[in-house]
């Protein structure tokens, strides 16, 4: 019987062990599953490097976005981008607590994964259902991830660039306009002008930043 090799990456060991126990015990008809685990960005990168050099690439990577050592090296999204260059034929699935539209659609653009599962929606049934879909007929999305994607598609007629999206995202996280220069490569006057333009686009001129946040959330941009 064919062996499907999976690398599960999450800085909570109980999470990856849960994936391992469920998937290795699952009664798949056409294959068996072997799951390796990694807790940090560095550990996962080393395993990916070894898989690339040994020509024994993983069939699937299960990646959390937030990882130990992430602040110094990279997060799960960075790891997914790296894996695409080292083991390009490996399927990538994000298993994350992030369910906001900005984060999900950002990852869909940068990594183009074969799946995205929001952790609050993961259970034994969905985990087992994900594997054959990702292997043979991707993509696989849980309901919250799919809702985020559909919201974006419904708003494709509103053209926002990456800096516009970053302004909306950081506003929703409570970052003050004057502090956004620490997160966005724009001057403060440019950020203020863009924010005024965004309020015009979303029909909330002369209203508060909170009104802009609420309207952009309704349309799925954050």
Protein backbone atom coordinates (compact mmCIF):
# COMPACT_ATOMS: atom_id res chain seq x y z
CA UNK A 1 0.00 0.00 0.00
CA UNK A 2 1.26 3.50 -0.83
CA UNK A 3 2.60 5.64 1.98
CA UNK A 4 1.60 9.30 2.12
CA UNK A 5 4.22 11.35 3.99
CA UNK A 6 3.02 14.41 5.88
CA UNK A 7 4.91 17.04 7.83
CA UNK A 8 2.74 18.78 10.44
CA UNK A 9 4.15 22.07 11.74
CA UNK A 10 2.71 23.77 14.82
CA UNK A 11 4.36 25.17 17.95
CA UNK A 12 1.77 23.39 20.10
CA UNK A 13 2.96 19.79 20.25
CA UNK A 14 -0.43 18.45 21.31
CA UNK A 15 -1.91 19.81 18.09
CA UNK A 16 0.53 18.02 15.80
CA UNK A 17 0.27 14.83 17.86
CA UNK A 18 -3.49 15.02 17.45
CA UNK A 19 -3.10 15.25 13.68
CA UNK A 20 -0.65 12.33 13.77
CA UNK A 21 -2.83 10.00 15.83
CA UNK A 22 -5.97 10.73 13.82
CA UNK A 23 -4.44 10.49 10.36
CA UNK A 24 -2.20 7.48 10.97
CA UNK A 25 -5.19 5.60 12.41
CA UNK A 26 -7.61 6.65 9.66
CA UNK A 27 -8.92 3.85 7.40
CA UNK A 28 -7.93 5.29 4.02
CA UNK A 29 -8.59 2.76 1.25
CA UNK A 30 -5.80 3.60 -1.21
CA UNK A 31 -2.92 4.54 1.10
CA UNK A 32 -1.54 4.77 4.60
CA UNK A 33 -0.35 7.98 6.24
CA UNK A 34 2.90 8.70 8.06
CA UNK A 35 3.10 12.01 9.93
CA UNK A 36 6.29 13.74 11.06
CA UNK A 37 6.06 16.80 13.28
CA UNK A 38 7.97 20.04 13.86
CA UNK A 39 7.46 22.71 16.52
CA UNK A 40 9.55 25.64 15.21
CA UNK A 41 10.27 27.44 11.98
CA UNK A 42 13.91 26.30 12.08
CA UNK A 43 13.07 22.65 12.72
CA UNK A 44 10.50 22.63 9.91
CA UNK A 45 12.88 24.34 7.48
CA UNK A 46 15.58 21.76 8.23
CA UNK A 47 13.16 18.92 7.53
CA UNK A 48 12.05 20.56 4.28
CA UNK A 49 15.69 21.07 3.23
CA UNK A 50 16.48 17.41 3.95
CA UNK A 51 13.41 16.27 1.98
CA UNK A 52 14.48 18.38 -0.99
CA UNK A 53 18.08 17.13 -0.98
CA UNK A 54 17.15 13.48 -0.50
CA UNK A 55 14.48 13.51 -3.20
CA UNK A 56 12.04 12.17 -0.63
CA UNK A 57 9.69 15.11 -0.50
CA UNK A 58 6.63 15.16 1.68
CA UNK A 59 3.29 14.65 -0.02
CA UNK A 60 1.58 17.23 2.21
CA UNK A 61 2.66 20.00 4.56
CA UNK A 62 0.26 21.05 7.32
CA UNK A 63 1.32 24.54 8.40
CA UNK A 64 0.26 26.79 11.23
CA UNK A 65 0.87 30.50 10.56
CA UNK A 66 2.26 31.48 13.97
CA UNK A 67 5.41 29.52 14.84
CA UNK A 68 8.07 29.53 17.54
CA UNK A 69 11.13 31.55 16.48
CA UNK A 70 8.85 33.23 13.96
CA UNK A 71 9.77 36.74 15.07
CA UNK A 72 13.44 36.07 14.30
CA UNK A 73 13.16 33.85 11.24
CA UNK A 74 9.72 33.66 9.68
CA UNK A 75 6.16 32.46 10.09
CA UNK A 76 4.13 29.70 8.50
CA UNK A 77 3.42 31.79 5.43
CA UNK A 78 7.16 32.33 4.91
CA UNK A 79 7.69 28.60 5.37
CA UNK A 80 5.06 27.86 2.73
CA UNK A 81 6.74 30.22 0.26
CA UNK A 82 10.10 28.57 0.98
CA UNK A 83 8.67 25.07 0.58
CA UNK A 84 7.33 25.98 -2.86
CA UNK A 85 10.91 26.59 -4.02
CA UNK A 86 12.46 23.52 -2.39
CA UNK A 87 9.75 20.86 -2.74
CA UNK A 88 7.43 22.37 -5.37
CA UNK A 89 5.27 19.28 -5.85
CA UNK A 90 4.32 19.03 -2.19
CA UNK A 91 0.73 20.00 -1.35
CA UNK A 92 0.39 22.72 1.30
CA UNK A 93 -2.50 23.12 3.72
CA UNK A 94 -2.68 25.89 6.32
CA UNK A 95 -4.20 24.93 9.67
CA UNK A 96 -4.65 28.25 11.42
CA UNK A 97 -6.67 30.07 14.03
CA UNK A 98 -6.74 33.07 11.67
CA UNK A 99 -10.12 33.33 9.98
CA UNK A 100 -10.06 37.00 8.90
CA UNK A 101 -10.42 37.74 5.21
CA UNK A 102 -7.20 39.74 4.90
CA UNK A 103 -4.98 36.99 6.29
CA UNK A 104 -6.57 34.15 4.35
CA UNK A 105 -6.56 35.97 1.01
CA UNK A 106 -3.00 37.17 1.56
CA UNK A 107 -1.87 33.55 1.94
CA UNK A 108 -3.88 32.44 -1.07
CA UNK A 109 -2.00 35.03 -3.10
CA UNK A 110 1.53 34.42 -1.79
CA UNK A 111 1.52 30.63 -1.36
CA UNK A 112 -1.51 29.42 -3.36
CA UNK A 113 -2.02 26.48 -0.97
CA UNK A 114 -4.05 23.38 -1.76
CA UNK A 115 -6.10 23.93 1.38
CA UNK A 116 -6.91 26.19 4.33
CA UNK A 117 -8.57 24.96 7.50
CA UNK A 118 -9.62 27.25 10.34
CA UNK A 119 -8.71 25.48 13.58
CA UNK A 120 -12.08 26.02 15.24
CA UNK A 121 -13.61 23.99 12.38
CA UNK A 122 -11.13 21.11 12.46
CA UNK A 123 -12.33 17.79 13.83
CA UNK A 124 -11.61 14.13 13.11
CA UNK A 125 -14.08 13.98 10.23
CA UNK A 126 -12.87 17.10 8.44
CA UNK A 127 -9.21 16.17 8.95
CA UNK A 128 -9.73 12.76 7.37
CA UNK A 129 -11.84 14.23 4.54
CA UNK A 130 -9.17 16.81 3.71
CA UNK A 131 -6.39 14.36 2.82
CA UNK A 132 -7.81 12.68 -0.34
CA UNK A 133 -9.22 15.98 -1.60
CA UNK A 134 -5.86 17.74 -1.28
CA UNK A 135 -4.05 14.80 -2.89
CA UNK A 136 -6.35 14.19 -5.83
CA UNK A 137 -8.77 17.09 -6.29
CA UNK A 138 -7.65 20.24 -4.45
CA UNK A 139 -8.41 22.67 -2.95
CA UNK A 140 -9.99 21.91 0.42
CA UNK A 141 -11.40 24.76 2.52
CA UNK A 142 -13.36 24.78 5.75
CA UNK A 143 -16.50 26.95 5.82
CA UNK A 144 -14.94 30.09 7.33
CA UNK A 145 -12.07 30.00 4.85
CA UNK A 146 -14.47 29.53 1.96
CA UNK A 147 -16.62 32.43 3.19
CA UNK A 148 -13.57 34.71 3.19
CA UNK A 149 -12.72 33.71 -0.37
CA UNK A 150 -16.29 34.26 -1.57
CA UNK A 151 -16.41 37.71 0.03
CA UNK A 152 -13.26 38.69 -1.81
CA UNK A 153 -14.66 37.47 -5.13
CA UNK A 154 -17.82 39.49 -4.57
CA UNK A 155 -15.75 42.64 -4.09
CA UNK A 156 -13.26 42.26 -6.93
CA UNK A 157 -14.81 45.29 -8.63
CA UNK A 158 -13.34 47.44 -5.85
CA UNK A 159 -9.64 47.69 -6.66
CA UNK A 160 -7.43 48.16 -3.63
CA UNK A 161 -3.67 47.77 -3.73
CA UNK A 162 -1.61 46.10 -1.01
CA UNK A 163 -0.99 49.34 0.88
CA UNK A 164 -4.73 50.09 0.96
CA UNK A 165 -5.38 46.63 2.37
CA UNK A 166 -2.63 47.05 4.95
CA UNK A 167 -4.15 50.34 6.12
CA UNK A 168 -7.53 48.66 6.60
CA UNK A 169 -5.96 45.68 8.33
CA UNK A 170 -3.94 47.72 10.81
CA UNK A 171 -6.86 50.04 11.50
CA UNK A 172 -8.94 46.99 12.41
CA UNK A 173 -6.18 45.92 14.80
CA UNK A 174 -6.28 49.25 16.63
CA UNK A 175 -3.10 50.78 15.18
CA UNK A 176 -3.28 54.59 15.14
CA UNK A 177 -2.76 56.33 11.81
CA UNK A 178 0.39 58.10 13.02
CA UNK A 179 1.92 54.74 13.97
CA UNK A 180 1.25 53.02 10.63
CA UNK A 181 4.56 54.28 9.26
CA UNK A 182 6.06 51.50 11.39
CA UNK A 183 4.13 48.88 9.42
CA UNK A 184 3.68 50.35 5.94
CA UNK A 185 6.36 51.78 3.63
CA UNK A 186 4.55 55.08 3.10
CA UNK A 187 4.88 58.54 4.59
CA UNK A 188 2.29 59.73 7.09
CA UNK A 189 0.72 62.23 4.60
CA UNK A 190 0.40 59.42 2.03
CA UNK A 191 -1.29 57.15 4.56
CA UNK A 192 -3.70 59.91 5.56
CA UNK A 193 -4.55 60.62 1.91
CA UNK A 194 -5.15 56.95 1.22
CA UNK A 195 -7.38 56.66 4.27
CA UNK A 196 -9.50 59.59 3.05
CA UNK A 197 -9.72 57.91 -0.37
CA UNK A 198 -10.78 54.63 1.22
CA UNK A 199 -13.55 56.38 3.13
CA UNK A 200 -14.75 57.82 -0.17
CA UNK A 201 -14.68 54.40 -1.89
CA UNK A 202 -16.68 52.80 0.91
CA UNK A 203 -19.14 55.68 1.20
CA UNK A 204 -18.22 56.75 4.72
CA UNK A 205 -16.80 60.20 4.06
CA UNK A 206 -16.81 62.49 7.10
CA UNK A 207 -17.29 59.47 9.36
CA UNK A 208 -14.94 57.85 11.88
CA UNK A 209 -12.25 55.26 11.27
CA UNK A 210 -14.55 52.77 12.99
CA UNK A 211 -17.15 53.34 10.27
CA UNK A 212 -14.50 52.53 7.66
CA UNK A 213 -13.55 49.38 9.54
CA UNK A 214 -17.16 48.22 9.80
CA UNK A 215 -17.88 48.85 6.11
CA UNK A 216 -14.69 47.12 4.92
CA UNK A 217 -15.50 44.16 7.15
CA UNK A 218 -18.97 43.91 5.61
CA UNK A 219 -17.36 43.71 2.18
CA UNK A 220 -14.80 41.16 3.26
CA UNK A 221 -11.61 43.19 3.01
CA UNK A 222 -10.68 42.60 6.65
